[in-house]
Amino acid sequence: MPTTRQRFPVTETDEIAAILNEAARRWPDVSRARLIRLIMVDWAAGGSAATAQAEARGRLIGTLPGSADLYDRATEWPE
């Protein structure tokens, strides 16, 4: 598509592939090229919404008696 804006090539290294694979789980049915843009916009917005959710979940778990042990075991279960 014609544009006057600068374009940036990105080589899909193993590290980039892993990041894109993780992003694809968050944003299914999005092309890998578009995922790069979504990752950058999410990062620029102050980090990952998934990170914010994990932090909120951690705070909530800390307020529930005995829940931390259950949470730790739940993260060890295979998906």
PDB file of N, CA and C in Angstrom:
ATOM      1  N   MET A   1       0.850  -1.159   0.000  1.00  0.00           N
ATOM      2  CA  MET A   1       0.000   0.000   0.000  1.00  0.00           C
ATOM      3  C   MET A   1       0.907   1.237   0.000  1.00  0.00           C
ATOM      4  N   PRO A   2       0.678   2.182  -0.869  1.00  0.00           N
ATOM      5  CA  PRO A   2       1.504   3.387  -0.925  1.00  0.00           C
ATOM      6  C   PRO A   2       1.356   4.208   0.354  1.00  0.00           C
ATOM      7  N   THR A   3       2.486   4.743   0.814  1.00  0.00           N
ATOM      8  CA  THR A   3       2.485   5.578   2.011  1.00  0.00           C
ATOM      9  C   THR A   3       3.675   6.524   1.971  1.00  0.00           C
ATOM     10  N   THR A   4       3.541   7.643   2.623  1.00  0.00           N
ATOM     11  CA  THR A   4       4.665   8.565   2.750  1.00  0.00           C
ATOM     12  C   THR A   4       5.390   8.336   4.065  1.00  0.00           C
ATOM     13  N   ARG A   5       4.856   7.449   4.874  1.00  0.00           N
ATOM     14  CA  ARG A   5       5.457   7.168   6.183  1.00  0.00           C
ATOM     15  C   ARG A   5       6.564   6.131   6.054  1.00  0.00           C
ATOM     16  N   GLN A   6       7.494   6.186   6.992  1.00  0.00           N
ATOM     17  CA  GLN A   6       8.599   5.248   6.998  1.00  0.00           C
ATOM     18  C   GLN A   6       8.117   3.857   7.394  1.00  0.00           C
ATOM     19  N   ARG A   7       8.698   2.849   6.781  1.00  0.00           N
ATOM     20  CA  ARG A   7       8.390   1.454   7.123  1.00  0.00           C
ATOM     21  C   ARG A   7       9.619   0.833   7.770  1.00  0.00           C
ATOM     22  N   PHE A   8       9.391  -0.177   8.599  1.00  0.00           N
ATOM     23  CA  PHE A   8      10.476  -0.828   9.307  1.00  0.00           C
ATOM     24  C   PHE A   8      10.414  -2.331   9.082  1.00  0.00           C
ATOM     25  N   PRO A   9      11.451  -2.910   8.494  1.00  0.00           N
ATOM     26  CA  PRO A   9      11.457  -4.371   8.349  1.00  0.00           C
ATOM     27  C   PRO A   9      11.834  -5.028   9.679  1.00  0.00           C
ATOM     28  N   VAL A  10      11.181  -6.129   9.975  1.00  0.00           N
ATOM     29  CA  VAL A  10      11.475  -6.883  11.197  1.00  0.00           C
ATOM     30  C   VAL A  10      11.682  -8.337  10.792  1.00  0.00           C
ATOM     31  N   THR A  11      12.836  -8.883  11.146  1.00  0.00           N
ATOM     32  CA  THR A  11      13.121 -10.286  10.868  1.00  0.00           C
ATOM     33  C   THR A  11      12.584 -11.134  12.004  1.00  0.00           C
ATOM     34  N   GLU A  12      11.873 -12.190  11.671  1.00  0.00           N
ATOM     35  CA  GLU A  12      11.291 -13.055  12.695  1.00  0.00           C
ATOM     36  C   GLU A  12      12.350 -14.016  13.219  1.00  0.00           C
ATOM     37  N   THR A  13      13.077 -13.568  14.225  1.00  0.00           N
ATOM     38  CA  THR A  13      14.040 -14.420  14.913  1.00  0.00           C
ATOM     39  C   THR A  13      13.276 -15.344  15.859  1.00  0.00           C
ATOM     40  N   ASP A  14      13.983 -16.242  16.516  1.00  0.00           N
ATOM     41  CA  ASP A  14      13.322 -17.126  17.490  1.00  0.00           C
ATOM     42  C   ASP A  14      12.657 -16.313  18.597  1.00  0.00           C
ATOM     43  N   GLU A  15      13.344 -15.267  19.056  1.00  0.00           N
ATOM     44  CA  GLU A  15      12.799 -14.419  20.122  1.00  0.00           C
ATOM     45  C   GLU A  15      11.537 -13.680  19.658  1.00  0.00           C
ATOM     46  N   ILE A  16      11.585 -13.119  18.450  1.00  0.00           N
ATOM     47  CA  ILE A  16      10.420 -12.408  17.902  1.00  0.00           C
ATOM     48  C   ILE A  16       9.284 -13.392  17.659  1.00  0.00           C
ATOM     49  N   ALA A  17       9.597 -14.592  17.177  1.00  0.00           N
ATOM     50  CA  ALA A  17       8.569 -15.606  16.932  1.00  0.00           C
ATOM     51  C   ALA A  17       7.847 -15.966  18.225  1.00  0.00           C
ATOM     52  N   ALA A  18       8.597 -16.106  19.319  1.00  0.00           N
ATOM     53  CA  ALA A  18       7.981 -16.433  20.604  1.00  0.00           C
ATOM     54  C   ALA A  18       7.048 -15.311  21.062  1.00  0.00           C
ATOM     55  N   ILE A  19       7.474 -14.077  20.876  1.00  0.00           N
ATOM     56  CA  ILE A  19       6.638 -12.927  21.251  1.00  0.00           C
ATOM     57  C   ILE A  19       5.380 -12.892  20.393  1.00  0.00           C
ATOM     58  N   LEU A  20       5.535 -13.129  19.102  1.00  0.00           N
ATOM     59  CA  LEU A  20       4.378 -13.125  18.204  1.00  0.00           C
ATOM     60  C   LEU A  20       3.423 -14.268  18.526  1.00  0.00           C
ATOM     61  N   ASN A  21       3.969 -15.420  18.867  1.00  0.00           N
ATOM     62  CA  ASN A  21       3.117 -16.556  19.238  1.00  0.00           C
ATOM     63  C   ASN A  21       2.293 -16.242  20.483  1.00  0.00           C
ATOM     64  N   GLU A  22       2.918 -15.595  21.464  1.00  0.00           N
ATOM     65  CA  GLU A  22       2.202 -15.187  22.681  1.00  0.00           C
ATOM     66  C   GLU A  22       1.117 -14.165  22.341  1.00  0.00           C
ATOM     67  N   ALA A  23       1.458 -13.206  21.506  1.00  0.00           N
ATOM     68  CA  ALA A  23       0.481 -12.185  21.099  1.00  0.00           C
ATOM     69  C   ALA A  23      -0.674 -12.813  20.326  1.00  0.00           C
ATOM     70  N   ALA A  24      -0.379 -13.844  19.541  1.00  0.00           N
ATOM     71  CA  ALA A  24      -1.430 -14.510  18.755  1.00  0.00           C
ATOM     72  C   ALA A  24      -2.447 -15.199  19.664  1.00  0.00           C
ATOM     73  N   ARG A  25      -2.012 -15.628  20.844  1.00  0.00           N
ATOM     74  CA  ARG A  25      -2.961 -16.211  21.796  1.00  0.00           C
ATOM     75  C   ARG A  25      -3.884 -15.124  22.350  1.00  0.00           C
ATOM     76  N   ARG A  26      -3.350 -13.934  22.495  1.00  0.00           N
ATOM     77  CA  ARG A  26      -4.139 -12.816  23.014  1.00  0.00           C
ATOM     78  C   ARG A  26      -5.046 -12.223  21.949  1.00  0.00           C
ATOM     79  N   TRP A  27      -4.525 -12.122  20.727  1.00  0.00           N
ATOM     80  CA  TRP A  27      -5.287 -11.559  19.611  1.00  0.00           C
ATOM     81  C   TRP A  27      -5.377 -12.607  18.499  1.00  0.00           C
ATOM     82  N   PRO A  28      -6.264 -13.587  18.638  1.00  0.00           N
ATOM     83  CA  PRO A  28      -6.369 -14.628  17.604  1.00  0.00           C
ATOM     84  C   PRO A  28      -6.905 -14.051  16.293  1.00  0.00           C
ATOM     85  N   ASP A  29      -6.611 -14.713  15.219  1.00  0.00           N
ATOM     86  CA  ASP A  29      -7.086 -14.332  13.882  1.00  0.00           C
ATOM     87  C   ASP A  29      -6.558 -12.981  13.424  1.00  0.00           C
ATOM     88  N   VAL A  30      -5.382 -12.589  13.909  1.00  0.00           N
ATOM     89  CA  VAL A  30      -4.732 -11.354  13.471  1.00  0.00           C
ATOM     90  C   VAL A  30      -3.437 -11.758  12.774  1.00  0.00           C
ATOM     91  N   SER A  31      -3.143 -11.129  11.641  1.00  0.00           N
ATOM     92  CA  SER A  31      -1.915 -11.460  10.915  1.00  0.00           C
ATOM     93  C   SER A  31      -0.696 -11.133  11.763  1.00  0.00           C
ATOM     94  N   ARG A  32       0.400 -11.825  11.504  1.00  0.00           N
ATOM     95  CA  ARG A  32       1.618 -11.594  12.274  1.00  0.00           C
ATOM     96  C   ARG A  32       2.119 -10.162  12.071  1.00  0.00           C
ATOM     97  N   ALA A  33       1.965  -9.619  10.877  1.00  0.00           N
ATOM     98  CA  ALA A  33       2.377  -8.239  10.625  1.00  0.00           C
ATOM     99  C   ALA A  33       1.563  -7.271  11.491  1.00  0.00           C
ATOM    100  N   ARG A  34       0.287  -7.502  11.609  1.00  0.00           N
ATOM    101  CA  ARG A  34      -0.567  -6.630  12.427  1.00  0.00           C
ATOM    102  C   ARG A  34      -0.276  -6.819  13.915  1.00  0.00           C
ATOM    103  N   LEU A  35       0.108  -8.047  14.301  1.00  0.00           N
ATOM    104  CA  LEU A  35       0.453  -8.291  15.693  1.00  0.00           C
ATOM    105  C   LEU A  35       1.600  -7.391  16.141  1.00  0.00           C
ATOM    106  N   ILE A  36       2.559  -7.149  15.259  1.00  0.00           N
ATOM    107  CA  ILE A  36       3.687  -6.289  15.606  1.00  0.00           C
ATOM    108  C   ILE A  36       3.172  -4.912  16.008  1.00  0.00           C
ATOM    109  N   ARG A  37       2.245  -4.372  15.247  1.00  0.00           N
ATOM    110  CA  ARG A  37       1.674  -3.063  15.573  1.00  0.00           C
ATOM    111  C   ARG A  37       0.924  -3.114  16.905  1.00  0.00           C
ATOM    112  N   LEU A  38       0.116  -4.154  17.109  1.00  0.00           N
ATOM    113  CA  LEU A  38      -0.651  -4.271  18.349  1.00  0.00           C
ATOM    114  C   LEU A  38       0.268  -4.376  19.567  1.00  0.00           C
ATOM    115  N   ILE A  39       1.340  -5.131  19.443  1.00  0.00           N
ATOM    116  CA  ILE A  39       2.305  -5.274  20.536  1.00  0.00           C
ATOM    117  C   ILE A  39       2.911  -3.916  20.870  1.00  0.00           C
ATOM    118  N   MET A  40       3.293  -3.167  19.850  1.00  0.00           N
ATOM    119  CA  MET A  40       3.914  -1.862  20.074  1.00  0.00           C
ATOM    120  C   MET A  40       2.941  -0.875  20.712  1.00  0.00           C
ATOM    121  N   VAL A  41       1.713  -0.859  20.238  1.00  0.00           N
ATOM    122  CA  VAL A  41       0.708   0.053  20.795  1.00  0.00           C
ATOM    123  C   VAL A  41       0.412  -0.321  22.246  1.00  0.00           C
ATOM    124  N   ASP A  42       0.292  -1.610  22.527  1.00  0.00           N
ATOM    125  CA  ASP A  42       0.035  -2.072  23.888  1.00  0.00           C
ATOM    126  C   ASP A  42       1.188  -1.683  24.807  1.00  0.00           C
ATOM    127  N   TRP A  43       2.414  -1.867  24.359  1.00  0.00           N
ATOM    128  CA  TRP A  43       3.590  -1.512  25.153  1.00  0.00           C
ATOM    129  C   TRP A  43       3.621  -0.005  25.424  1.00  0.00           C
ATOM    130  N   ALA A  44       3.333   0.784  24.400  1.00  0.00           N
ATOM    131  CA  ALA A  44       3.359   2.239  24.552  1.00  0.00           C
ATOM    132  C   ALA A  44       2.269   2.732  25.498  1.00  0.00           C
ATOM    133  N   ALA A  45       1.213   1.977  25.633  1.00  0.00           N
ATOM    134  CA  ALA A  45       0.107   2.362  26.512  1.00  0.00           C
ATOM    135  C   ALA A  45       0.428   2.068  27.979  1.00  0.00           C
ATOM    136  N   GLY A  46       1.653   1.684  28.253  1.00  0.00           N
ATOM    137  CA  GLY A  46       2.038   1.470  29.648  1.00  0.00           C
ATOM    138  C   GLY A  46       2.236   0.025  30.001  1.00  0.00           C
ATOM    139  N   GLY A  47       2.335  -0.815  29.023  1.00  0.00           N
ATOM    140  CA  GLY A  47       2.565  -2.222  29.297  1.00  0.00           C
ATOM    141  C   GLY A  47       1.396  -3.050  28.842  1.00  0.00           C
ATOM    142  N   SER A  48       1.474  -4.270  29.189  1.00  0.00           N
ATOM    143  CA  SER A  48       0.483  -5.225  28.733  1.00  0.00           C
ATOM    144  C   SER A  48      -0.761  -5.212  29.603  1.00  0.00           C
ATOM    145  N   ALA A  49      -1.898  -5.244  28.966  1.00  0.00           N
ATOM    146  CA  ALA A  49      -3.152  -5.383  29.709  1.00  0.00           C
ATOM    147  C   ALA A  49      -3.146  -6.711  30.465  1.00  0.00           C
ATOM    148  N   ALA A  50      -2.506  -7.716  29.882  1.00  0.00           N
ATOM    149  CA  ALA A  50      -2.409  -9.009  30.555  1.00  0.00           C
ATOM    150  C   ALA A  50      -1.599  -8.878  31.835  1.00  0.00           C
ATOM    151  N   THR A  51      -0.546  -8.050  31.820  1.00  0.00           N
ATOM    152  CA  THR A  51       0.252  -7.822  33.015  1.00  0.00           C
ATOM    153  C   THR A  51      -0.583  -7.133  34.083  1.00  0.00           C
ATOM    154  N   ALA A  52      -1.359  -6.147  33.684  1.00  0.00           N
ATOM    155  CA  ALA A  52      -2.226  -5.443  34.631  1.00  0.00           C
ATOM    156  C   ALA A  52      -3.239  -6.406  35.246  1.00  0.00           C
ATOM    157  N   GLN A  53      -3.782  -7.302  34.429  1.00  0.00           N
ATOM    158  CA  GLN A  53      -4.736  -8.289  34.937  1.00  0.00           C
ATOM    159  C   GLN A  53      -4.057  -9.225  35.925  1.00  0.00           C
ATOM    160  N   ALA A  54      -2.826  -9.639  35.609  1.00  0.00           N
ATOM    161  CA  ALA A  54      -2.100 -10.538  36.505  1.00  0.00           C
ATOM    162  C   ALA A  54      -1.808  -9.857  37.838  1.00  0.00           C
ATOM    163  N   GLU A  55      -1.438  -8.573  37.795  1.00  0.00           N
ATOM    164  CA  GLU A  55      -1.178  -7.844  39.035  1.00  0.00           C
ATOM    165  C   GLU A  55      -2.452  -7.708  39.861  1.00  0.00           C
ATOM    166  N   ALA A  56      -3.565  -7.403  39.204  1.00  0.00           N
ATOM    167  CA  ALA A  56      -4.842  -7.289  39.911  1.00  0.00           C
ATOM    168  C   ALA A  56      -5.233  -8.632  40.513  1.00  0.00           C
ATOM    169  N   ARG A  57      -5.021  -9.701  39.778  1.00  0.00           N
ATOM    170  CA  ARG A  57      -5.330 -11.043  40.275  1.00  0.00           C
ATOM    171  C   ARG A  57      -4.478 -11.347  41.507  1.00  0.00           C
ATOM    172  N   GLY A  58      -3.185 -10.971  41.453  1.00  0.00           N
ATOM    173  CA  GLY A  58      -2.300 -11.193  42.592  1.00  0.00           C
ATOM    174  C   GLY A  58      -2.756 -10.443  43.825  1.00  0.00           C
ATOM    175  N   ARG A  59      -3.195  -9.197  43.635  1.00  0.00           N
ATOM    176  CA  ARG A  59      -3.698  -8.419  44.778  1.00  0.00           C
ATOM    177  C   ARG A  59      -4.947  -9.068  45.358  1.00  0.00           C
ATOM    178  N   LEU A  60      -5.827  -9.538  44.501  1.00  0.00           N
ATOM    179  CA  LEU A  60      -7.052 -10.181  44.964  1.00  0.00           C
ATOM    180  C   LEU A  60      -6.735 -11.471  45.698  1.00  0.00           C
ATOM    181  N   ILE A  61      -5.839 -12.248  45.155  1.00  0.00           N
ATOM    182  CA  ILE A  61      -5.478 -13.511  45.795  1.00  0.00           C
ATOM    183  C   ILE A  61      -4.904 -13.264  47.180  1.00  0.00           C
ATOM    184  N   GLY A  62      -4.118 -12.188  47.316  1.00  0.00           N
ATOM    185  CA  GLY A  62      -3.539 -11.855  48.611  1.00  0.00           C
ATOM    186  C   GLY A  62      -4.578 -11.521  49.658  1.00  0.00           C
ATOM    187  N   THR A  63      -5.773 -11.135  49.241  1.00  0.00           N
ATOM    188  CA  THR A  63      -6.819 -10.772  50.206  1.00  0.00           C
ATOM    189  C   THR A  63      -7.682 -11.962  50.615  1.00  0.00           C
ATOM    190  N   LEU A  64      -7.552 -13.079  49.915  1.00  0.00           N
ATOM    191  CA  LEU A  64      -8.376 -14.249  50.204  1.00  0.00           C
ATOM    192  C   LEU A  64      -7.579 -15.254  51.030  1.00  0.00           C
ATOM    193  N   PRO A  65      -8.020 -15.591  52.234  1.00  0.00           N
ATOM    194  CA  PRO A  65      -7.275 -16.510  53.087  1.00  0.00           C
ATOM    195  C   PRO A  65      -7.117 -17.886  52.438  1.00  0.00           C
ATOM    196  N   GLY A  66      -5.886 -18.381  52.418  1.00  0.00           N
ATOM    197  CA  GLY A  66      -5.626 -19.718  51.900  1.00  0.00           C
ATOM    198  C   GLY A  66      -5.652 -19.839  50.395  1.00  0.00           C
ATOM    199  N   SER A  67      -5.929 -18.760  49.684  1.00  0.00           N
ATOM    200  CA  SER A  67      -6.061 -18.866  48.236  1.00  0.00           C
ATOM    201  C   SER A  67      -4.725 -18.920  47.514  1.00  0.00           C
ATOM    202  N   ALA A  68      -3.674 -18.372  48.117  1.00  0.00           N
ATOM    203  CA  ALA A  68      -2.377 -18.340  47.444  1.00  0.00           C
ATOM    204  C   ALA A  68      -1.887 -19.747  47.156  1.00  0.00           C
ATOM    205  N   ASP A  69      -2.077 -20.672  48.126  1.00  0.00           N
ATOM    206  CA  ASP A  69      -1.644 -22.048  47.928  1.00  0.00           C
ATOM    207  C   ASP A  69      -2.391 -22.686  46.765  1.00  0.00           C
ATOM    208  N   LEU A  70      -3.695 -22.464  46.676  1.00  0.00           N
ATOM    209  CA  LEU A  70      -4.482 -23.007  45.567  1.00  0.00           C
ATOM    210  C   LEU A  70      -4.041 -22.404  44.249  1.00  0.00           C
ATOM    211  N   TYR A  71      -3.770 -21.104  44.260  1.00  0.00           N
ATOM    212  CA  TYR A  71      -3.336 -20.439  43.034  1.00  0.00           C
ATOM    213  C   TYR A  71      -2.003 -21.005  42.551  1.00  0.00           C
ATOM    214  N   ASP A  72      -1.056 -21.213  43.471  1.00  0.00           N
ATOM    215  CA  ASP A  72       0.241 -21.753  43.090  1.00  0.00           C
ATOM    216  C   ASP A  72       0.095 -23.133  42.474  1.00  0.00           C
ATOM    217  N   ARG A  73      -0.758 -23.958  43.056  1.00  0.00           N
ATOM    218  CA  ARG A  73      -0.965 -25.290  42.491  1.00  0.00           C
ATOM    219  C   ARG A  73      -1.655 -25.213  41.140  1.00  0.00           C
ATOM    220  N   ALA A  74      -2.572 -24.279  40.971  1.00  0.00           N
ATOM    221  CA  ALA A  74      -3.295 -24.164  39.712  1.00  0.00           C
ATOM    222  C   ALA A  74      -2.372 -23.753  38.576  1.00  0.00           C
ATOM    223  N   THR A  75      -1.340 -22.960  38.864  1.00  0.00           N
ATOM    224  CA  THR A  75      -0.434 -22.535  37.794  1.00  0.00           C
ATOM    225  C   THR A  75       0.481 -23.670  37.354  1.00  0.00           C
ATOM    226  N   GLU A  76       0.591 -24.705  38.139  1.00  0.00           N
ATOM    227  CA  GLU A  76       1.434 -25.847  37.784  1.00  0.00           C
ATOM    228  C   GLU A  76       0.695 -26.890  36.940  1.00  0.00           C
ATOM    229  N   TRP A  77      -0.618 -26.792  36.844  1.00  0.00           N
ATOM    230  CA  TRP A  77      -1.384 -27.772  36.081  1.00  0.00           C
ATOM    231  C   TRP A  77      -1.113 -27.601  34.602  1.00  0.00           C
ATOM    232  N   PRO A  78      -1.046 -28.703  33.860  1.00  0.00           N
ATOM    233  CA  PRO A  78      -0.870 -28.569  32.402  1.00  0.00           C
ATOM    234  C   PRO A  78      -2.119 -27.985  31.764  1.00  0.00           C
ATOM    235  N   GLU A  79      -1.902 -27.276  30.684  1.00  0.00           N
ATOM    236  CA  GLU A  79      -3.039 -26.652  29.987  1.00  0.00           C
ATOM    237  C   GLU A  79      -3.642 -27.600  28.986  1.00  0.00           C
TER     238      GLU A  79
END
